[in-house]
N, C-alpha and C. Protein backbone atom coordinates (compact mmCIF):
# COMPACT_ATOMS: atom_id res chain seq x y z
N ASP A 1 47.49 -87.04 34.72
CA ASP A 1 48.13 -86.67 33.48
C ASP A 1 47.14 -87.85 32.69
N SER A 2 46.36 -86.82 31.73
CA SER A 2 45.50 -87.20 30.31
C SER A 2 46.38 -87.60 29.20
N SER A 3 45.93 -89.32 28.95
CA SER A 3 46.72 -89.30 27.40
C SER A 3 46.02 -88.74 26.22
N GLU A 4 46.27 -88.91 25.04
CA GLU A 4 46.46 -88.10 24.01
C GLU A 4 44.63 -88.51 23.77
N THR A 5 44.43 -89.98 23.70
CA THR A 5 43.15 -90.63 23.51
C THR A 5 42.39 -89.93 24.48
N ASP A 6 42.52 -89.44 25.60
CA ASP A 6 41.34 -88.87 26.57
C ASP A 6 41.47 -87.88 26.06
N VAL A 7 41.98 -86.87 25.83
CA VAL A 7 42.02 -85.61 25.51
C VAL A 7 40.96 -85.25 23.59
N LEU A 8 41.43 -86.60 23.27
CA LEU A 8 40.61 -86.70 21.70
C LEU A 8 39.10 -86.82 22.09
N GLU A 9 39.12 -87.50 22.68
CA GLU A 9 37.92 -88.00 23.49
C GLU A 9 36.90 -86.41 23.63
N GLN A 10 37.48 -85.99 25.05
CA GLN A 10 36.91 -84.96 25.18
C GLN A 10 36.74 -83.64 24.54
N ALA A 11 37.61 -84.08 23.07
CA ALA A 11 37.33 -82.84 22.40
C ALA A 11 36.36 -83.16 21.40
N ILE A 12 36.42 -84.73 21.05
CA ILE A 12 34.82 -84.95 20.02
C ILE A 12 33.55 -84.97 20.81
N THR A 13 33.53 -85.12 21.93
CA THR A 13 32.23 -85.01 22.80
C THR A 13 31.96 -83.67 22.93
N LYS A 14 32.97 -82.65 22.97
CA LYS A 14 32.14 -81.33 22.76
C LYS A 14 31.82 -80.63 21.67
N MET A 15 32.54 -81.22 20.52
CA MET A 15 32.30 -81.08 19.39
C MET A 15 30.72 -81.26 19.21
N ALA A 16 31.12 -82.52 19.36
CA ALA A 16 28.94 -83.00 19.39
C ALA A 16 28.30 -82.34 20.11
N ALA A 17 28.98 -82.04 21.23
CA ALA A 17 27.46 -81.27 22.54
C ALA A 17 27.10 -79.80 21.51
N LEU A 18 28.52 -79.13 20.66
CA LEU A 18 28.05 -77.91 20.14
C LEU A 18 27.21 -77.99 18.43
N LEU A 19 27.28 -79.11 18.09
CA LEU A 19 26.62 -79.88 16.53
C LEU A 19 25.26 -80.02 17.60
N GLN A 20 25.19 -80.23 18.35
CA GLN A 20 23.58 -80.70 18.57
C GLN A 20 22.75 -79.46 19.37
N VAL A 21 23.63 -78.58 20.14
CA VAL A 21 22.94 -76.97 20.17
C VAL A 21 22.91 -76.27 18.78
N GLY A 22 23.82 -76.51 17.95
CA GLY A 22 23.62 -75.54 16.35
C GLY A 22 22.37 -76.20 15.29
N PHE A 23 22.44 -77.42 15.41
CA PHE A 23 21.66 -78.02 14.61
C PHE A 23 19.67 -78.38 15.25
N GLY A 24 20.28 -78.51 16.61
CA GLY A 24 18.96 -78.67 16.99
C GLY A 24 18.47 -79.92 17.30
N SER A 25 17.80 -80.46 17.87
CA SER A 25 17.30 -82.05 18.16
C SER A 25 16.83 -82.66 17.00
N ALA A 26 15.85 -81.95 16.07
CA ALA A 26 15.75 -82.58 14.89
C ALA A 26 17.29 -82.92 13.83
N GLY A 27 18.06 -81.64 14.03
CA GLY A 27 19.37 -81.87 13.56
C GLY A 27 20.11 -82.71 13.56
N ALA A 28 20.09 -83.04 14.60
CA ALA A 28 21.20 -84.17 15.19
C ALA A 28 20.44 -85.69 14.95
N GLU A 29 19.26 -85.46 14.70
CA GLU A 29 18.73 -86.80 14.59
C GLU A 29 19.28 -87.26 12.90
N ILE A 30 19.08 -86.36 11.98
CA ILE A 30 19.51 -86.21 10.69
C ILE A 30 20.63 -86.50 10.56
N ILE A 31 21.73 -85.97 11.42
CA ILE A 31 22.86 -85.73 11.07
C ILE A 31 23.45 -87.44 11.55
N ALA A 32 22.84 -88.50 12.19
CA ALA A 32 23.15 -89.02 12.89
C ALA A 32 22.67 -90.27 12.11
N LYS A 33 21.74 -90.06 10.92
CA LYS A 33 21.19 -91.36 10.27
C LYS A 33 22.41 -91.03 9.12
N ASN A 34 22.68 -89.91 8.91
CA ASN A 34 23.41 -89.43 7.79
C ASN A 34 24.86 -90.43 7.90
N LEU A 35 25.28 -90.11 9.08
CA LEU A 35 26.79 -90.74 9.05
C LEU A 35 26.69 -92.42 9.68
N SER A 36 25.67 -93.30 9.84
CA SER A 36 25.77 -94.22 9.97
C SER A 36 25.93 -95.40 9.12
N ASP A 37 25.72 -94.40 8.07
CA ASP A 37 26.40 -95.70 7.12
C ASP A 37 27.69 -95.31 6.95
N MET A 38 28.71 -96.65 7.18
CA MET A 38 29.90 -96.33 6.71
C MET A 38 30.90 -95.14 7.38
N GLY A 39 29.97 -94.52 7.71
CA GLY A 39 30.48 -92.91 8.44
C GLY A 39 30.94 -92.08 7.57
N GLU A 40 30.60 -91.59 6.34
CA GLU A 40 30.33 -91.00 5.23
C GLU A 40 29.54 -90.68 5.19
N LEU A 41 29.28 -88.90 5.00
CA LEU A 41 28.65 -88.07 4.44
C LEU A 41 27.32 -88.42 3.36
N ASN A 42 25.90 -88.39 3.64
CA ASN A 42 25.41 -88.58 2.71
C ASN A 42 24.04 -88.02 2.43
N PRO A 43 24.71 -86.48 1.58
CA PRO A 43 23.28 -85.60 1.82
C PRO A 43 21.88 -85.97 0.99
N MET A 44 21.98 -86.81 0.51
CA MET A 44 20.71 -87.40 -0.10
C MET A 44 19.90 -88.11 0.14
N ILE A 45 20.24 -88.55 1.84
CA ILE A 45 19.43 -89.48 2.41
C ILE A 45 17.63 -88.59 2.67
N PRO A 46 16.84 -89.49 2.07
CA PRO A 46 15.40 -88.93 1.91
C PRO A 46 14.86 -88.26 3.70
N GLY A 47 14.37 -87.53 3.88
CA GLY A 47 13.65 -86.36 5.05
C GLY A 47 12.47 -87.19 5.84
N VAL A 48 11.79 -86.98 6.51
CA VAL A 48 10.54 -87.83 7.00
C VAL A 48 9.93 -86.81 7.77
N ARG A 49 8.81 -86.69 7.04
CA ARG A 49 7.78 -85.61 7.63
C ARG A 49 7.58 -85.69 8.91
N VAL A 50 7.28 -84.31 10.29
CA VAL A 50 7.22 -84.79 11.11
C VAL A 50 6.20 -83.09 11.80
N ASN A 51 4.77 -83.68 11.92
CA ASN A 51 4.32 -83.22 12.45
C ASN A 51 4.08 -82.48 13.78
N ALA A 52 4.45 -80.61 13.91
CA ALA A 52 5.01 -80.43 15.60
C ALA A 52 4.45 -79.13 15.60
N ILE A 53 4.25 -78.39 16.62
CA ILE A 53 4.12 -77.39 17.23
C ILE A 53 5.20 -76.58 17.39
N PHE A 54 5.58 -75.13 17.00
CA PHE A 54 6.49 -74.29 17.00
C PHE A 54 6.08 -73.07 17.85
N GLY A 55 7.31 -72.92 18.56
CA GLY A 55 6.80 -71.85 19.14
C GLY A 55 7.69 -70.82 19.26
N PHE A 56 7.95 -69.22 19.44
CA PHE A 56 8.85 -68.41 19.04
C PHE A 56 8.30 -67.35 19.83
N ALA A 57 9.62 -67.48 21.15
CA ALA A 57 9.51 -66.81 21.55
C ALA A 57 10.64 -65.42 21.96
N ASP A 58 10.45 -64.18 22.26
CA ASP A 58 12.02 -63.49 22.33
C ASP A 58 11.71 -62.28 23.68
N ILE A 59 13.00 -61.75 23.58
CA ILE A 59 13.14 -60.91 24.99
C ILE A 59 12.56 -59.66 24.40
N ARG A 60 11.23 -59.13 25.01
CA ARG A 60 10.75 -57.72 25.10
C ARG A 60 11.80 -56.79 25.40
N ASN A 61 11.86 -55.91 24.61
CA ASN A 61 13.00 -54.64 24.76
C ASN A 61 14.28 -54.82 25.03
N PHE A 62 14.80 -56.10 24.04
CA PHE A 62 15.36 -56.10 24.38
C PHE A 62 16.91 -55.12 23.85
N THR A 63 16.64 -54.32 23.67
CA THR A 63 17.66 -53.15 22.74
C THR A 63 17.96 -52.16 24.05
N PHE A 64 16.87 -52.29 24.52
CA PHE A 64 16.88 -51.52 26.12
C PHE A 64 17.24 -52.24 26.98
N ALA A 65 17.68 -53.30 27.15
CA ALA A 65 18.54 -54.40 28.15
C ALA A 65 19.74 -54.52 27.88
N THR A 66 19.81 -54.45 26.44
CA THR A 66 21.44 -53.80 26.00
C THR A 66 21.67 -53.05 25.96
N GLU A 67 21.30 -52.10 26.15
CA GLU A 67 21.65 -50.22 26.61
C GLU A 67 22.17 -50.73 28.11
N GLY A 68 21.52 -50.94 29.23
CA GLY A 68 21.21 -50.88 30.59
C GLY A 68 22.26 -51.93 30.86
N LEU A 69 22.20 -53.30 30.70
CA LEU A 69 23.03 -53.95 31.13
C LEU A 69 24.53 -54.14 30.63
N GLN A 70 24.61 -53.70 29.30
CA GLN A 70 26.13 -53.43 28.49
C GLN A 70 26.88 -54.74 28.57
N GLN A 71 27.88 -54.79 29.09
CA GLN A 71 28.51 -56.37 29.32
C GLN A 71 27.99 -57.34 29.99
N ASP A 72 27.00 -57.10 30.61
CA ASP A 72 26.28 -58.01 31.61
C ASP A 72 25.00 -58.54 31.09
N VAL A 73 24.85 -58.16 29.46
CA VAL A 73 23.62 -58.60 28.75
C VAL A 73 24.04 -60.57 28.58
N MET A 74 25.39 -60.80 28.60
CA MET A 74 25.08 -62.30 27.70
C MET A 74 24.73 -63.00 28.59
N ILE A 75 24.90 -62.55 30.49
CA ILE A 75 24.72 -63.55 31.67
C ILE A 75 23.14 -63.18 31.92
N PHE A 76 22.45 -62.18 31.08
CA PHE A 76 20.76 -61.63 31.90
C PHE A 76 20.25 -63.26 30.82
N VAL A 77 20.93 -62.88 29.31
CA VAL A 77 20.50 -63.94 27.79
C VAL A 77 20.66 -65.33 28.72
N ASN A 78 21.37 -65.72 29.24
CA ASN A 78 21.78 -67.35 29.00
C ASN A 78 20.91 -67.27 30.22
N LYS A 79 20.77 -66.75 31.58
CA LYS A 79 19.41 -67.26 32.48
C LYS A 79 18.15 -67.24 31.87
N VAL A 80 17.80 -66.25 30.82
CA VAL A 80 16.18 -65.96 30.55
C VAL A 80 16.15 -67.25 29.44
N ALA A 81 17.70 -67.78 28.61
CA ALA A 81 17.43 -69.47 27.99
C ALA A 81 17.42 -70.48 29.23
N ALA A 82 18.17 -70.07 30.16
CA ALA A 82 18.17 -71.55 31.13
C ALA A 82 16.91 -71.77 31.62
N ILE A 83 15.83 -70.56 31.78
CA ILE A 83 14.50 -70.68 32.33
C ILE A 83 13.74 -71.44 31.43
N THR A 84 13.91 -70.47 29.86
CA THR A 84 13.37 -70.98 29.04
C THR A 84 13.28 -72.73 28.41
N HIS A 85 14.28 -72.82 28.47
CA HIS A 85 14.75 -73.87 27.93
C HIS A 85 14.39 -75.19 28.80
N GLN A 86 13.85 -75.06 30.42
CA GLN A 86 14.25 -75.77 31.54
C GLN A 86 12.60 -76.70 31.37
N HIS A 87 12.00 -74.95 31.11
CA HIS A 87 10.04 -75.08 30.68
C HIS A 87 9.95 -75.48 29.45
N VAL A 88 10.20 -75.34 28.79
CA VAL A 88 10.17 -76.39 27.23
C VAL A 88 10.60 -77.76 27.82
N VAL A 89 11.37 -78.08 28.07
CA VAL A 89 12.00 -79.75 28.13
C VAL A 89 10.82 -80.14 29.02
N SER A 90 10.56 -79.62 30.43
CA SER A 90 9.50 -80.04 30.86
C SER A 90 7.93 -80.57 30.38
N SER A 91 8.47 -79.90 29.69
CA SER A 91 6.52 -79.70 29.33
C SER A 91 6.57 -80.80 28.00
N GLY A 92 7.48 -81.41 27.67
CA GLY A 92 7.58 -82.33 26.29
C GLY A 92 8.31 -81.85 25.47
N GLY A 93 8.58 -80.49 25.30
CA GLY A 93 9.77 -79.63 24.15
C GLY A 93 11.23 -79.94 23.70
N HIS A 94 11.45 -79.30 22.75
CA HIS A 94 12.89 -79.38 22.42
C HIS A 94 12.91 -77.95 22.00
N PRO A 95 14.01 -77.20 22.87
CA PRO A 95 14.32 -75.53 22.13
C PRO A 95 15.27 -76.30 21.14
N ASN A 96 15.07 -75.36 19.89
CA ASN A 96 15.78 -76.08 19.04
C ASN A 96 16.55 -74.81 18.47
N LYS A 97 16.19 -73.40 18.78
CA LYS A 97 17.29 -72.26 18.32
C LYS A 97 17.77 -71.20 19.26
N ASN A 98 18.60 -70.96 19.58
CA ASN A 98 18.49 -69.62 20.36
C ASN A 98 19.81 -68.89 19.32
N ILE A 99 18.93 -67.57 18.57
CA ILE A 99 19.17 -66.64 17.62
C ILE A 99 18.91 -65.22 18.53
N GLY A 100 20.66 -65.03 19.28
CA GLY A 100 20.34 -63.54 20.33
C GLY A 100 19.45 -63.59 21.14
N ASP A 101 18.29 -62.93 20.99
CA ASP A 101 17.25 -62.61 21.87
C ASP A 101 16.25 -63.57 21.73
N ALA A 102 16.20 -64.60 20.78
CA ALA A 102 15.02 -65.10 20.21
C ALA A 102 15.41 -66.38 20.50
N PHE A 103 14.09 -67.08 20.33
CA PHE A 103 14.17 -68.53 21.05
C PHE A 103 13.32 -69.52 20.28
N LEU A 104 13.41 -70.50 19.15
CA LEU A 104 12.70 -71.49 18.24
C LEU A 104 12.61 -72.54 19.45
N LEU A 105 11.29 -73.09 19.73
CA LEU A 105 10.94 -74.15 20.35
C LEU A 105 10.18 -74.78 19.45
N VAL A 106 10.14 -76.33 20.03
CA VAL A 106 9.55 -77.34 19.08
C VAL A 106 8.45 -78.15 19.87
N TRP A 107 7.55 -78.79 19.91
CA TRP A 107 6.54 -79.88 20.15
C TRP A 107 6.73 -80.41 18.91
N LYS A 108 7.14 -82.06 19.39
CA LYS A 108 6.66 -82.69 18.11
C LYS A 108 5.34 -83.74 18.32
N LEU A 109 4.44 -83.80 17.49
CA LEU A 109 3.41 -84.37 17.87
C LEU A 109 3.28 -85.71 17.23
N LYS A 110 2.66 -86.52 18.16
CA LYS A 110 2.26 -87.89 17.75
C LYS A 110 1.75 -88.40 16.01
N GLY A 111 2.34 -89.17 15.23
CA GLY A 111 1.50 -89.12 13.94
C GLY A 111 -0.02 -89.68 13.78
N GLY A 112 -0.40 -90.05 15.01
CA GLY A 112 -1.70 -90.33 14.36
C GLY A 112 -2.89 -88.62 14.76
N LYS A 113 -3.90 -88.78 14.32
CA LYS A 113 -5.12 -88.06 13.99
C LYS A 113 -5.19 -87.28 14.68
N ASN A 114 -5.11 -88.13 16.45
CA ASN A 114 -5.82 -86.90 17.38
C ASN A 114 -4.90 -85.82 17.63
N GLY A 115 -3.36 -85.60 17.02
CA GLY A 115 -2.55 -84.84 17.49
C GLY A 115 -2.31 -84.49 18.84
N THR A 116 -2.22 -85.41 19.86
CA THR A 116 -1.70 -85.12 20.86
C THR A 116 -0.06 -85.06 21.00
N LYS A 117 0.23 -84.75 21.86
CA LYS A 117 1.84 -84.22 22.17
C LYS A 117 2.62 -85.21 22.44
N SER A 118 3.53 -85.46 21.72
CA SER A 118 4.47 -86.55 21.94
C SER A 118 5.11 -86.32 23.70
N SER A 119 5.89 -87.71 23.64
CA SER A 119 7.28 -87.49 25.21
C SER A 119 8.42 -87.69 24.83
N GLY A 120 8.52 -87.30 23.07
CA GLY A 120 9.88 -86.86 23.07
C GLY A 120 10.19 -86.52 21.29
């Protein structure tokens, strides 16, 4: 038997995970900073400039795949997303957004002039 507190904790954890997926890693940092002071939302907190490399990938001939796979198209998209995310993360990047058949990917750069890739 789960107590009401356990159920509530699981629900909050799931919502936090969905927020991370929905807003991406940059959005998660913004929300964390925004809610850190007294737990109230402050939309006027100033932003921080971040230098990054953005990549955009999409599934070629997605309409054709959709017609052929029909109800199994989401299984296909989820497998492509898992592979894409795995390789982006292993190379120091962050999957930022998934929009149907397209993926926005981000690699943050260090603040120095050398422009080398950051590890996080």
